C-alpha atoms as a PDB file:
ATOM      1  CA  UNK A   1      -9.815  26.803  -8.678  1.00  0.00           C
ATOM      2  CA  UNK A   2     -12.602  24.661  -7.203  1.00  0.00           C
ATOM      3  CA  UNK A   3     -12.873  21.637  -9.491  1.00  0.00           C
ATOM      4  CA  UNK A   4      -9.613  20.892 -11.313  1.00  0.00           C
ATOM      5  CA  UNK A   5     -10.115  19.147 -14.672  1.00  0.00           C
ATOM      6  CA  UNK A   6      -7.395  16.684 -15.710  1.00  0.00           C
ATOM      7  CA  UNK A   7      -7.584  15.640 -19.324  1.00  0.00           C
ATOM      8  CA  UNK A   8      -6.406  12.245 -20.530  1.00  0.00           C
ATOM      9  CA  UNK A   9      -2.615  12.101 -20.338  1.00  0.00           C
ATOM     10  CA  UNK A  10      -2.310  15.441 -18.522  1.00  0.00           C
ATOM     11  CA  UNK A  11      -0.205  16.151 -15.427  1.00  0.00           C
ATOM     12  CA  UNK A  12      -1.230  19.013 -13.161  1.00  0.00           C
ATOM     13  CA  UNK A  13       0.817  20.497 -10.327  1.00  0.00           C
ATOM     14  CA  UNK A  14      -1.311  20.850  -7.204  1.00  0.00           C
ATOM     15  CA  UNK A  15       1.428  22.109  -4.870  1.00  0.00           C
ATOM     16  CA  UNK A  16       4.639  24.040  -5.477  1.00  0.00           C
ATOM     17  CA  UNK A  17       6.032  24.971  -2.070  1.00  0.00           C
ATOM     18  CA  UNK A  18       9.194  26.957  -1.357  1.00  0.00           C
ATOM     19  CA  UNK A  19      11.694  26.916   1.473  1.00  0.00           C
ATOM     20  CA  UNK A  20      11.396  24.749   4.581  1.00  0.00           C
ATOM     21  CA  UNK A  21       8.148  23.368   5.902  1.00  0.00           C
ATOM     22  CA  UNK A  22       5.953  20.305   6.346  1.00  0.00           C
ATOM     23  CA  UNK A  23       2.718  19.157   4.780  1.00  0.00           C
ATOM     24  CA  UNK A  24       0.420  18.176   7.646  1.00  0.00           C
ATOM     25  CA  UNK A  25      -2.851  17.134   5.998  1.00  0.00           C
ATOM     26  CA  UNK A  26      -4.151  16.280   2.526  1.00  0.00           C
ATOM     27  CA  UNK A  27      -7.817  15.967   1.529  1.00  0.00           C
ATOM     28  CA  UNK A  28      -8.911  14.868  -1.937  1.00  0.00           C
ATOM     29  CA  UNK A  29     -11.955  13.589  -3.735  1.00  0.00           C
ATOM     30  CA  UNK A  30     -12.790  12.512  -7.264  1.00  0.00           C
ATOM     31  CA  UNK A  31     -15.019   9.920  -8.957  1.00  0.00           C
ATOM     32  CA  UNK A  32     -14.599   6.130  -8.888  1.00  0.00           C
ATOM     33  CA  UNK A  33     -16.158   5.303 -12.281  1.00  0.00           C
ATOM     34  CA  UNK A  34     -14.000   3.961 -15.115  1.00  0.00           C
ATOM     35  CA  UNK A  35     -11.265   2.833 -12.701  1.00  0.00           C
ATOM     36  CA  UNK A  36     -10.503   6.481 -11.989  1.00  0.00           C
ATOM     37  CA  UNK A  37      -8.930   5.769  -8.575  1.00  0.00           C
ATOM     38  CA  UNK A  38      -6.364   3.665 -10.424  1.00  0.00           C
ATOM     39  CA  UNK A  39      -5.970   6.058 -13.365  1.00  0.00           C
ATOM     40  CA  UNK A  40      -5.008   9.160 -11.366  1.00  0.00           C
ATOM     41  CA  UNK A  41      -1.415   8.951 -10.077  1.00  0.00           C
ATOM     42  CA  UNK A  42      -0.206  11.016  -7.132  1.00  0.00           C
ATOM     43  CA  UNK A  43       3.508  11.934  -7.055  1.00  0.00           C
ATOM     44  CA  UNK A  44       5.488  13.952  -4.506  1.00  0.00           C
ATOM     45  CA  UNK A  45       8.993  15.379  -4.803  1.00  0.00           C
ATOM     46  CA  UNK A  46      11.030  16.760  -1.900  1.00  0.00           C
ATOM     47  CA  UNK A  47      13.887  19.287  -2.042  1.00  0.00           C
ATOM     48  CA  UNK A  48      14.104  19.401  -5.824  1.00  0.00           C
ATOM     49  CA  UNK A  49      14.646  15.681  -6.333  1.00  0.00           C
ATOM     50  CA  UNK A  50      14.383  14.370  -9.897  1.00  0.00           C
ATOM     51  CA  UNK A  51      12.439  11.195  -9.086  1.00  0.00           C
ATOM     52  CA  UNK A  52       9.384  11.070  -6.801  1.00  0.00           C
ATOM     53  CA  UNK A  53       9.394   9.874  -3.215  1.00  0.00           C
ATOM     54  CA  UNK A  54       5.667   9.136  -3.510  1.00  0.00           C
ATOM     55  CA  UNK A  55       4.383   7.328  -6.599  1.00  0.00           C
ATOM     56  CA  UNK A  56       0.924   5.771  -6.161  1.00  0.00           C
ATOM     57  CA  UNK A  57      -2.468   5.514  -7.797  1.00  0.00           C
ATOM     58  CA  UNK A  58      -4.499   8.071  -5.916  1.00  0.00           C
ATOM     59  CA  UNK A  59      -6.981   5.637  -4.378  1.00  0.00           C
ATOM     60  CA  UNK A  60      -4.244   3.279  -3.222  1.00  0.00           C
ATOM     61  CA  UNK A  61      -2.336   6.086  -1.521  1.00  0.00           C
ATOM     62  CA  UNK A  62      -5.366   6.680   0.709  1.00  0.00           C
ATOM     63  CA  UNK A  63      -5.977   2.970   1.376  1.00  0.00           C
ATOM     64  CA  UNK A  64      -8.596   2.247  -1.323  1.00  0.00           C
ATOM     65  CA  UNK A  65      -6.907  -0.650  -3.062  1.00  0.00           C
ATOM     66  CA  UNK A  66      -9.846  -2.097  -4.997  1.00  0.00           C
ATOM     67  CA  UNK A  67     -10.565   1.003  -7.045  1.00  0.00           C
ATOM     68  CA  UNK A  68     -13.749   1.724  -5.106  1.00  0.00           C
ATOM     69  CA  UNK A  69     -14.697   4.108  -2.316  1.00  0.00           C
ATOM     70  CA  UNK A  70     -14.914   2.751   1.206  1.00  0.00           C
ATOM     71  CA  UNK A  71     -15.243   3.845   4.836  1.00  0.00           C
ATOM     72  CA  UNK A  72     -12.415   3.385   7.320  1.00  0.00           C
ATOM     73  CA  UNK A  73     -10.719   5.413  10.011  1.00  0.00           C
ATOM     74  CA  UNK A  74      -7.097   5.019  11.084  1.00  0.00           C
ATOM     75  CA  UNK A  75      -4.773   7.575  12.621  1.00  0.00           C
ATOM     76  CA  UNK A  76      -2.815   8.533   9.454  1.00  0.00           C
ATOM     77  CA  UNK A  77      -5.435   7.682   6.782  1.00  0.00           C
ATOM     78  CA  UNK A  78      -9.190   8.090   6.756  1.00  0.00           C
ATOM     79  CA  UNK A  79     -11.783   7.764   4.007  1.00  0.00           C
ATOM     80  CA  UNK A  80     -15.482   8.524   4.017  1.00  0.00           C
ATOM     81  CA  UNK A  81     -16.235   6.679   0.807  1.00  0.00           C
ATOM     82  CA  UNK A  82     -14.571   9.072  -1.682  1.00  0.00           C
ATOM     83  CA  UNK A  83     -13.520  11.753   0.820  1.00  0.00           C
ATOM     84  CA  UNK A  84      -9.851  10.789   1.227  1.00  0.00           C
ATOM     85  CA  UNK A  85      -7.629  12.134   4.030  1.00  0.00           C
ATOM     86  CA  UNK A  86      -3.939  11.732   4.894  1.00  0.00           C
ATOM     87  CA  UNK A  87      -2.339  12.959   8.148  1.00  0.00           C
ATOM     88  CA  UNK A  88       1.253  11.741   7.675  1.00  0.00           C
ATOM     89  CA  UNK A  89       3.696  14.573   8.344  1.00  0.00           C
ATOM     90  CA  UNK A  90       5.805  15.339   5.250  1.00  0.00           C
ATOM     91  CA  UNK A  91       8.796  17.608   6.022  1.00  0.00           C
ATOM     92  CA  UNK A  92      10.950  19.303   3.403  1.00  0.00           C
ATOM     93  CA  UNK A  93      13.942  21.641   3.576  1.00  0.00           C
ATOM     94  CA  UNK A  94      14.181  23.150   0.099  1.00  0.00           C
ATOM     95  CA  UNK A  95      10.654  23.007  -1.251  1.00  0.00           C
ATOM     96  CA  UNK A  96       8.082  20.409  -2.255  1.00  0.00           C
ATOM     97  CA  UNK A  97       6.166  19.610  -5.430  1.00  0.00           C
ATOM     98  CA  UNK A  98       3.026  17.510  -5.747  1.00  0.00           C
ATOM     99  CA  UNK A  99       1.506  16.421  -9.057  1.00  0.00           C
ATOM    100  CA  UNK A 100      -1.435  14.334 -10.274  1.00  0.00           C
ATOM    101  CA  UNK A 101      -1.410  12.609 -13.675  1.00  0.00           C
ATOM    102  CA  UNK A 102      -4.432  11.176 -15.473  1.00  0.00           C
ATOM    103  CA  UNK A 103      -3.089   7.989 -17.074  1.00  0.00           C
ATOM    104  CA  UNK A 104      -6.406   6.817 -18.485  1.00  0.00           C
ATOM    105  CA  UNK A 105      -5.691   6.937 -22.247  1.00  0.00           C
ATOM    106  CA  UNK A 106      -9.316   7.533 -23.190  1.00  0.00           C
ATOM    107  CA  UNK A 107     -11.137   9.539 -20.509  1.00  0.00           C
ATOM    108  CA  UNK A 108     -10.789  12.909 -18.838  1.00  0.00           C
ATOM    109  CA  UNK A 109     -11.074  13.277 -15.076  1.00  0.00           C
ATOM    110  CA  UNK A 110     -11.149  15.866 -12.287  1.00  0.00           C
ATOM    111  CA  UNK A 111      -9.937  16.463  -8.730  1.00  0.00           C
ATOM    112  CA  UNK A 112     -10.920  18.478  -5.672  1.00  0.00           C
ATOM    113  CA  UNK A 113      -8.255  18.926  -2.998  1.00  0.00           C
ATOM    114  CA  UNK A 114      -6.862  20.721   0.054  1.00  0.00           C
ATOM    115  CA  UNK A 115      -3.179  20.643   1.063  1.00  0.00           C
ATOM    116  CA  UNK A 116      -2.488  22.021   4.539  1.00  0.00           C
ATOM    117  CA  UNK A 117       1.132  22.816   5.404  1.00  0.00           C
ATOM    118  CA  UNK A 118       3.372  24.780   7.746  1.00  0.00           C
ATOM    119  CA  UNK A 119       6.156  27.102   6.626  1.00  0.00           C
ATOM    120  CA  UNK A 120       9.209  27.259   8.894  1.00  0.00           C
ATOM    121  CA  UNK A 121      11.333  30.401   9.224  1.00  0.00           C
ATOM    122  CA  UNK A 122      13.986  28.309  10.943  1.00  0.00           C
ATOM    123  CA  UNK A 123      15.187  25.509   8.599  1.00  0.00           C
ATOM    124  CA  UNK A 124      16.717  23.650  11.546  1.00  0.00           C
ATOM    125  CA  UNK A 125      13.220  22.453  12.399  1.00  0.00           C
ATOM    126  CA  UNK A 126      13.407  19.938   9.548  1.00  0.00           C
ATOM    127  CA  UNK A 127      17.149  19.354   9.185  1.00  0.00           C
ATOM    128  CA  UNK A 128      18.004  15.697   9.638  1.00  0.00           C
ATOM    129  CA  UNK A 129      14.388  14.524   9.377  1.00  0.00           C
ATOM    130  CA  UNK A 130      13.522  11.672   7.053  1.00  0.00           C
ATOM    131  CA  UNK A 131      11.494  12.401   3.943  1.00  0.00           C
ATOM    132  CA  UNK A 132       8.111  10.745   3.552  1.00  0.00           C
ATOM    133  CA  UNK A 133       7.855   7.938   0.973  1.00  0.00           C
ATOM    134  CA  UNK A 134       5.043   5.795  -0.394  1.00  0.00           C
ATOM    135  CA  UNK A 135       5.182   3.147  -3.107  1.00  0.00           C
ATOM    136  CA  UNK A 136       2.581   0.841  -4.661  1.00  0.00           C
ATOM    137  CA  UNK A 137       3.124  -2.754  -5.740  1.00  0.00           C
ATOM    138  CA  UNK A 138       0.896  -5.374  -7.386  1.00  0.00           C
ATOM    139  CA  UNK A 139       1.460  -9.027  -8.193  1.00  0.00           C
ATOM    140  CA  UNK A 140      -0.670 -11.958  -9.306  1.00  0.00           C
ATOM    141  CA  UNK A 141       0.698 -14.482  -6.819  1.00  0.00           C
ATOM    142  CA  UNK A 142       0.533 -18.197  -7.605  1.00  0.00           C
ATOM    143  CA  UNK A 143       1.048 -21.304  -5.513  1.00  0.00           C
ATOM    144  CA  UNK A 144       4.649 -22.362  -5.054  1.00  0.00           C
ATOM    145  CA  UNK A 145       5.976 -25.920  -4.872  1.00  0.00           C
ATOM    146  CA  UNK A 146       8.052 -25.795  -1.720  1.00  0.00           C
ATOM    147  CA  UNK A 147      10.214 -28.415  -0.021  1.00  0.00           C
ATOM    148  CA  UNK A 148       8.129 -30.760   2.085  1.00  0.00           C
ATOM    149  CA  UNK A 149       8.816 -31.446   5.760  1.00  0.00           C
ATOM    150  CA  UNK A 150       7.140 -32.238   9.088  1.00  0.00           C
ATOM    151  CA  UNK A 151       5.518 -29.603  11.272  1.00  0.00           C
ATOM    152  CA  UNK A 152       5.340 -29.729  15.055  1.00  0.00           C
ATOM    153  CA  UNK A 153       2.577 -32.349  14.891  1.00  0.00           C
ATOM    154  CA  UNK A 154       4.533 -34.582  12.532  1.00  0.00           C
ATOM    155  CA  UNK A 155       2.340 -33.771   9.533  1.00  0.00           C
ATOM    156  CA  UNK A 156       3.992 -33.135   6.161  1.00  0.00           C
ATOM    157  CA  UNK A 157       3.602 -29.576   4.919  1.00  0.00           C
ATOM    158  CA  UNK A 158       5.277 -26.973   2.747  1.00  0.00           C
ATOM    159  CA  UNK A 159       8.390 -25.294   4.131  1.00  0.00           C
ATOM    160  CA  UNK A 160       9.747 -21.873   3.293  1.00  0.00           C
ATOM    161  CA  UNK A 161      13.393 -21.632   4.288  1.00  0.00           C
ATOM    162  CA  UNK A 162      14.508 -18.606   2.246  1.00  0.00           C
ATOM    163  CA  UNK A 163      11.617 -16.168   1.819  1.00  0.00           C
ATOM    164  CA  UNK A 164      12.621 -15.694  -1.817  1.00  0.00           C
ATOM    165  CA  UNK A 165       9.150 -16.444  -3.217  1.00  0.00           C
ATOM    166  CA  UNK A 166       7.308 -14.121  -0.835  1.00  0.00           C
ATOM    167  CA  UNK A 167       5.236 -11.131  -1.905  1.00  0.00           C
ATOM    168  CA  UNK A 168       7.382  -7.976  -1.648  1.00  0.00           C
ATOM    169  CA  UNK A 169       5.761  -5.087   0.213  1.00  0.00           C
ATOM    170  CA  UNK A 170       8.861  -2.856   0.290  1.00  0.00           C
ATOM    171  CA  UNK A 171      12.473  -3.040  -0.827  1.00  0.00           C
ATOM    172  CA  UNK A 172      14.650   0.040  -0.357  1.00  0.00           C
ATOM    173  CA  UNK A 173      18.248   1.073   0.295  1.00  0.00           C
ATOM    174  CA  UNK A 174      19.352   3.845   2.629  1.00  0.00           C
ATOM    175  CA  UNK A 175      18.575   4.875   6.205  1.00  0.00           C
ATOM    176  CA  UNK A 176      15.077   5.309   7.549  1.00  0.00           C
ATOM    177  CA  UNK A 177      12.123   3.768   9.299  1.00  0.00           C
ATOM    178  CA  UNK A 178       9.082   1.881   8.060  1.00  0.00           C
ATOM    179  CA  UNK A 179       5.735   3.232   9.299  1.00  0.00           C
ATOM    180  CA  UNK A 180       3.195   0.868   7.791  1.00  0.00           C
ATOM    181  CA  UNK A 181       1.308  -0.555   4.847  1.00  0.00           C
ATOM    182  CA  UNK A 182      -2.103  -1.317   3.427  1.00  0.00           C
ATOM    183  CA  UNK A 183      -2.524  -4.700   1.755  1.00  0.00           C
ATOM    184  CA  UNK A 184      -5.397  -5.824  -0.468  1.00  0.00           C
ATOM    185  CA  UNK A 185      -6.102  -9.191  -2.034  1.00  0.00           C
ATOM    186  CA  UNK A 186      -8.659 -10.683  -4.374  1.00  0.00           C
ATOM    187  CA  UNK A 187      -8.967 -14.427  -4.922  1.00  0.00           C
ATOM    188  CA  UNK A 188     -11.226 -17.080  -6.419  1.00  0.00           C
ATOM    189  CA  UNK A 189      -9.746 -19.747  -4.134  1.00  0.00           C
ATOM    190  CA  UNK A 190     -11.932 -20.754  -1.206  1.00  0.00           C
ATOM    191  CA  UNK A 191     -10.426 -21.292   2.215  1.00  0.00           C
ATOM    192  CA  UNK A 192      -8.444 -19.145   4.618  1.00  0.00           C
ATOM    193  CA  UNK A 193      -5.602 -17.177   3.010  1.00  0.00           C
ATOM    194  CA  UNK A 194      -4.138 -15.495   6.096  1.00  0.00           C
ATOM    195  CA  UNK A 195      -1.448 -17.921   7.311  1.00  0.00           C
ATOM    196  CA  UNK A 196       1.457 -16.277   5.477  1.00  0.00           C
ATOM    197  CA  UNK A 197       4.255 -14.967   7.710  1.00  0.00           C
ATOM    198  CA  UNK A 198       5.594 -11.418   7.592  1.00  0.00           C
ATOM    199  CA  UNK A 199       9.394 -11.142   7.293  1.00  0.00           C
ATOM    200  CA  UNK A 200      11.550  -8.022   7.774  1.00  0.00           C
ATOM    201  CA  UNK A 201      15.115  -8.373   6.458  1.00  0.00           C
ATOM    202  CA  UNK A 202      16.966  -5.405   7.977  1.00  0.00           C
ATOM    203  CA  UNK A 203      20.284  -4.093   6.590  1.00  0.00           C
ATOM    204  CA  UNK A 204      20.829  -7.088   4.328  1.00  0.00           C
ATOM    205  CA  UNK A 205      20.625  -9.703   7.053  1.00  0.00           C
ATOM    206  CA  UNK A 206      20.526 -13.341   5.852  1.00  0.00           C
ATOM    207  CA  UNK A 207      17.815 -15.893   6.514  1.00  0.00           C
ATOM    208  CA  UNK A 208      16.308 -16.213   9.053  1.00  0.00           C
ATOM    209  CA  UNK A 209      15.330 -12.570   9.611  1.00  0.00           C
ATOM    210  CA  UNK A 210      15.221 -11.256  13.168  1.00  0.00           C
ATOM    211  CA  UNK A 211      11.609 -10.116  12.657  1.00  0.00           C
ATOM    212  CA  UNK A 212       9.641 -13.146  11.467  1.00  0.00           C
ATOM    213  CA  UNK A 213       5.920 -13.142  12.230  1.00  0.00           C
ATOM    214  CA  UNK A 214       3.337 -15.846  12.775  1.00  0.00           C
ATOM    215  CA  UNK A 215       0.725 -15.108  10.110  1.00  0.00           C
ATOM    216  CA  UNK A 216      -0.841 -12.371   8.015  1.00  0.00           C
ATOM    217  CA  UNK A 217      -3.799 -11.546  10.232  1.00  0.00           C
ATOM    218  CA  UNK A 218      -1.441 -11.615  13.233  1.00  0.00           C
ATOM    219  CA  UNK A 219       0.811  -9.007  11.613  1.00  0.00           C
ATOM    220  CA  UNK A 220      -2.275  -6.870  10.962  1.00  0.00           C
ATOM    221  CA  UNK A 221      -3.070  -7.207  14.700  1.00  0.00           C
ATOM    222  CA  UNK A 222      -5.994  -9.589  14.199  1.00  0.00           C
ATOM    223  CA  UNK A 223      -6.336 -13.270  15.051  1.00  0.00           C
ATOM    224  CA  UNK A 224      -8.375 -16.379  14.316  1.00  0.00           C
ATOM    225  CA  UNK A 225      -9.297 -15.562  10.713  1.00  0.00           C
ATOM    226  CA  UNK A 226     -10.463 -12.069  11.670  1.00  0.00           C
ATOM    227  CA  UNK A 227     -13.174 -13.686  13.802  1.00  0.00           C
ATOM    228  CA  UNK A 228     -14.425 -15.654  10.820  1.00  0.00           C
ATOM    229  CA  UNK A 229     -14.829 -12.478   8.769  1.00  0.00           C
ATOM    230  CA  UNK A 230     -17.896 -11.468  10.766  1.00  0.00           C
ATOM    231  CA  UNK A 231     -17.308  -7.741  10.336  1.00  0.00           C
ATOM    232  CA  UNK A 232     -14.859  -5.059   9.314  1.00  0.00           C
ATOM    233  CA  UNK A 233     -12.710  -3.550  12.049  1.00  0.00           C
ATOM    234  CA  UNK A 234     -11.086  -0.103  12.248  1.00  0.00           C
ATOM    235  CA  UNK A 235      -8.675   1.167  14.906  1.00  0.00           C
ATOM    236  CA  UNK A 236      -6.045   3.954  14.901  1.00  0.00           C
ATOM    237  CA  UNK A 237      -3.140   1.635  13.997  1.00  0.00           C
ATOM    238  CA  UNK A 238      -4.651  -1.490  12.439  1.00  0.00           C
ATOM    239  CA  UNK A 239      -7.784  -2.695  10.745  1.00  0.00           C
ATOM    240  CA  UNK A 240      -9.520  -5.148   8.438  1.00  0.00           C
ATOM    241  CA  UNK A 241     -11.444  -2.572   6.455  1.00  0.00           C
ATOM    242  CA  UNK A 242     -12.827  -4.438   3.460  1.00  0.00           C
ATOM    243  CA  UNK A 243     -14.503  -7.821   3.854  1.00  0.00           C
ATOM    244  CA  UNK A 244     -14.990 -10.243   0.986  1.00  0.00           C
ATOM    245  CA  UNK A 245     -17.126 -13.368   0.889  1.00  0.00           C
ATOM    246  CA  UNK A 246     -17.718 -15.762   3.764  1.00  0.00           C
ATOM    247  CA  UNK A 247     -15.873 -18.530   1.899  1.00  0.00           C
ATOM    248  CA  UNK A 248     -12.807 -16.223   1.834  1.00  0.00           C
ATOM    249  CA  UNK A 249     -13.072 -15.505  -1.889  1.00  0.00           C
ATOM    250  CA  UNK A 250     -13.412 -11.996  -3.279  1.00  0.00           C
ATOM    251  CA  UNK A 251     -11.802  -8.764  -2.164  1.00  0.00           C
ATOM    252  CA  UNK A 252     -10.259  -8.101   1.262  1.00  0.00           C
ATOM    253  CA  UNK A 253      -8.227  -5.228   2.743  1.00  0.00           C
ATOM    254  CA  UNK A 254      -6.185  -4.708   5.903  1.00  0.00           C
ATOM    255  CA  UNK A 255      -3.851  -2.019   7.248  1.00  0.00           C
ATOM    256  CA  UNK A 256      -1.103  -1.777   9.872  1.00  0.00           C
ATOM    257  CA  UNK A 257       0.644   1.456  10.859  1.00  0.00           C
ATOM    258  CA  UNK A 258       3.860   1.417  12.893  1.00  0.00           C
ATOM    259  CA  UNK A 259       3.356   4.817  14.499  1.00  0.00           C
ATOM    260  CA  UNK A 260       4.378   3.676  17.974  1.00  0.00           C
ATOM    261  CA  UNK A 261       6.665   0.859  16.797  1.00  0.00           C
ATOM    262  CA  UNK A 262       8.532   1.920  13.631  1.00  0.00           C
ATOM    263  CA  UNK A 263      10.930  -0.546  12.025  1.00  0.00           C
ATOM    264  CA  UNK A 264      14.337   1.159  11.799  1.00  0.00           C
ATOM    265  CA  UNK A 265      17.021   0.386   9.241  1.00  0.00           C
ATOM    266  CA  UNK A 266      20.485   1.848   8.647  1.00  0.00           C
ATOM    267  CA  UNK A 267      21.339   0.490   5.184  1.00  0.00           C
ATOM    268  CA  UNK A 268      18.352  -1.263   3.653  1.00  0.00           C
ATOM    269  CA  UNK A 269      14.987  -2.863   4.295  1.00  0.00           C
ATOM    270  CA  UNK A 270      13.262  -5.779   2.585  1.00  0.00           C
ATOM    271  CA  UNK A 271       9.749  -6.414   3.900  1.00  0.00           C
ATOM    272  CA  UNK A 272       8.002  -9.457   2.435  1.00  0.00           C
ATOM    273  CA  UNK A 273       4.994 -11.596   3.256  1.00  0.00           C
ATOM    274  CA  UNK A 274       4.103 -15.170   2.392  1.00  0.00           C
ATOM    275  CA  UNK A 275       0.913 -15.569   0.356  1.00  0.00           C
ATOM    276  CA  UNK A 276      -0.549 -18.315   2.494  1.00  0.00           C
ATOM    277  CA  UNK A 277       1.526 -20.759   4.538  1.00  0.00           C
ATOM    278  CA  UNK A 278       4.852 -21.145   2.695  1.00  0.00           C
ATOM    279  CA  UNK A 279       3.206 -19.409  -0.307  1.00  0.00           C
ATOM    280  CA  UNK A 280       0.506 -22.029  -0.853  1.00  0.00           C
ATOM    281  CA  UNK A 281      -2.261 -19.559  -1.815  1.00  0.00           C
ATOM    282  CA  UNK A 282      -2.987 -17.576  -4.964  1.00  0.00           C
ATOM    283  CA  UNK A 283      -4.698 -14.365  -5.922  1.00  0.00           C
ATOM    284  CA  UNK A 284      -4.350 -10.760  -6.991  1.00  0.00           C
ATOM    285  CA  UNK A 285      -2.332  -8.857  -4.363  1.00  0.00           C
ATOM    286  CA  UNK A 286      -1.546  -5.155  -4.200  1.00  0.00           C
ATOM    287  CA  UNK A 287      -0.140  -2.978  -1.445  1.00  0.00           C
ATOM    288  CA  UNK A 288       1.084   0.483  -0.548  1.00  0.00           C
ATOM    289  CA  UNK A 289       4.082   0.867   1.775  1.00  0.00           C
ATOM    290  CA  UNK A 290       4.807   4.035   3.788  1.00  0.00           C
ATOM    291  CA  UNK A 291       8.194   4.954   5.230  1.00  0.00           C
ATOM    292  CA  UNK A 292      10.620   7.797   6.009  1.00  0.00           C
ATOM    293  CA  UNK A 293      14.127   7.911   4.579  1.00  0.00           C
ATOM    294  CA  UNK A 294      17.007  10.385   4.478  1.00  0.00           C
ATOM    295  CA  UNK A 295      19.213   8.989   1.720  1.00  0.00           C
ATOM    296  CA  UNK A 296      17.253   6.914  -0.746  1.00  0.00           C
ATOM    297  CA  UNK A 297      19.798   5.332  -3.094  1.00  0.00           C
ATOM    298  CA  UNK A 298      17.592   4.376  -6.031  1.00  0.00           C
ATOM    299  CA  UNK A 299      14.389   5.589  -7.720  1.00  0.00           C
ATOM    300  CA  UNK A 300      11.179   3.941  -6.613  1.00  0.00           C
ATOM    301  CA  UNK A 301      10.072   0.949  -8.718  1.00  0.00           C
ATOM    302  CA  UNK A 302       8.486   1.952 -12.009  1.00  0.00           C
ATOM    303  CA  UNK A 303       4.729   2.161 -11.549  1.00  0.00           C
ATOM    304  CA  UNK A 304       2.748  -0.346 -13.603  1.00  0.00           C
ATOM    305  CA  UNK A 305       0.761   1.118 -16.479  1.00  0.00           C
ATOM    306  CA  UNK A 306      -2.939   1.942 -16.174  1.00  0.00           C
ATOM    307  CA  UNK A 307      -4.161  -1.292 -17.801  1.00  0.00           C
ATOM    308  CA  UNK A 308      -2.010  -3.306 -15.374  1.00  0.00           C
ATOM    309  CA  UNK A 309      -3.518  -1.482 -12.398  1.00  0.00           C
ATOM    310  CA  UNK A 310      -7.174  -2.260 -13.145  1.00  0.00           C
ATOM    311  CA  UNK A 311      -8.634  -4.550 -10.429  1.00  0.00           C
ATOM    312  CA  UNK A 312      -9.214  -8.206 -11.165  1.00  0.00           C
ATOM    313  CA  UNK A 313     -12.761  -9.509 -11.505  1.00  0.00           C
ATOM    314  CA  UNK A 314     -13.057 -12.011  -8.648  1.00  0.00           C
ATOM    315  CA  UNK A 315     -15.120  -9.402  -6.895  1.00  0.00           C
ATOM    316  CA  UNK A 316     -17.366  -9.105  -3.875  1.00  0.00           C
ATOM    317  CA  UNK A 317     -19.324  -6.036  -4.868  1.00  0.00           C
ATOM    318  CA  UNK A 318     -21.286  -4.788  -7.855  1.00  0.00           C
ATOM    319  CA  UNK A 319     -19.134  -3.880 -10.816  1.00  0.00           C
ATOM    320  CA  UNK A 320     -16.394  -6.450 -10.221  1.00  0.00           C
ATOM    321  CA  UNK A 321     -18.298  -9.730 -10.579  1.00  0.00           C
ATOM    322  CA  UNK A 322     -20.755 -11.394 -12.931  1.00  0.00           C
ATOM    323  CA  UNK A 323     -19.733 -11.396 -16.578  1.00  0.00           C
ATOM    324  CA  UNK A 324     -16.450  -9.616 -15.756  1.00  0.00           C
ATOM    325  CA  UNK A 325     -15.361 -12.303 -13.319  1.00  0.00           C
ATOM    326  CA  UNK A 326     -11.993 -13.896 -14.133  1.00  0.00           C
ATOM    327  CA  UNK A 327     -10.585 -17.175 -12.892  1.00  0.00           C
ATOM    328  CA  UNK A 328      -7.181 -18.390 -11.833  1.00  0.00           C
ATOM    329  CA  UNK A 329      -6.326 -22.068 -12.251  1.00  0.00           C
ATOM    330  CA  UNK A 330      -6.976 -23.895  -8.975  1.00  0.00           C
END
C-alpha cells in the first residue's frame, strides 16, 4: 500500500518481522497540520516483548520536537522538512514489530514509509547485542530556589549540590549504553538559557557524578551561546538545528549523538540536565533519548496524552505565536 490511512484512535502495524535480523534504515513522511507529528506515536517491540522499547511521537523520534518540519543532517537522523530518516541499527533475535497509532481524538491521518532490514540465517550475528530504545519526555520547568553560595569570583549565586531538581533526559535500569539525545526548549524568558550542566549518574552512584559537564551548549558540543545564535549548525554527531529569537526566547533545538563515545552502564543510568545554572531558568522542555540495552527491568515511562504533547505557544515561527502565545510567570 502506498499511502496508509490511519483513522482517529487506530493503530496500524507497519512491520511484522520474523526470526533474527536488524532494521538498518527507516524513512517516513506525513503532514504537520493539526499537531500531527505529535499525534502519531511510533512504537517498536523486539523479540516478542509485551511493552515497547521505542515509544515516541513520530516527529520527536526523528528529531522534530516542535511539531513542525525542519532541515537537519546528522549521522543517525536526518530530515528534509517532512522527509524523516533514521539510520540507527536495530537488531532482534526473535522477530520485531513496529506500530503507529493516531492519538488525535478528532482527526484522521496518514503515513508513507519504508523500513529496510537484513535477515540473518545465523542467529549468532545478533546474540548478545543490545536492543535499541528511544523514549520521549516533556516537562514545563520552573525556576528553583536553591541554596545560595559564592562562586569562584566571590559573587553569590545559586548552588545545585544534589541534581534532584534537574530535567530528566533518561532514567533506566539494566545494562546498556547511551547513544544520544535531542533536546528542544521553548521559553518566554529573555536571556541565555544554556548554562545548565549535564550530569550522568552511572549505576546508582551518589552525588557528585563522575560525568558532570560545564553547560548545556558545551554538552551539545557548542560554546559561547552558540555564537550568539547567529545560525543553525549541523554535523554528524552534534548540532543546533532550530534557532529561536535573538533575545533567546522562542523555540530552540539541539542534538548530541554518542556514536564514538557511548556512555556505558552495568546496572542503571540517570541522565539529567540543569535548566539554566542551578535550575534558574524556565520554559517548556522536551527530549528524546536513544540507547541500547539488553535487560531492561521496567516498562518505559507512560507517554503523555495527545493534549499534553501539543507544543506551547511561545513560538518563533508562524502558527505558534500571535493570539496563541502563552506566558509563564517571570
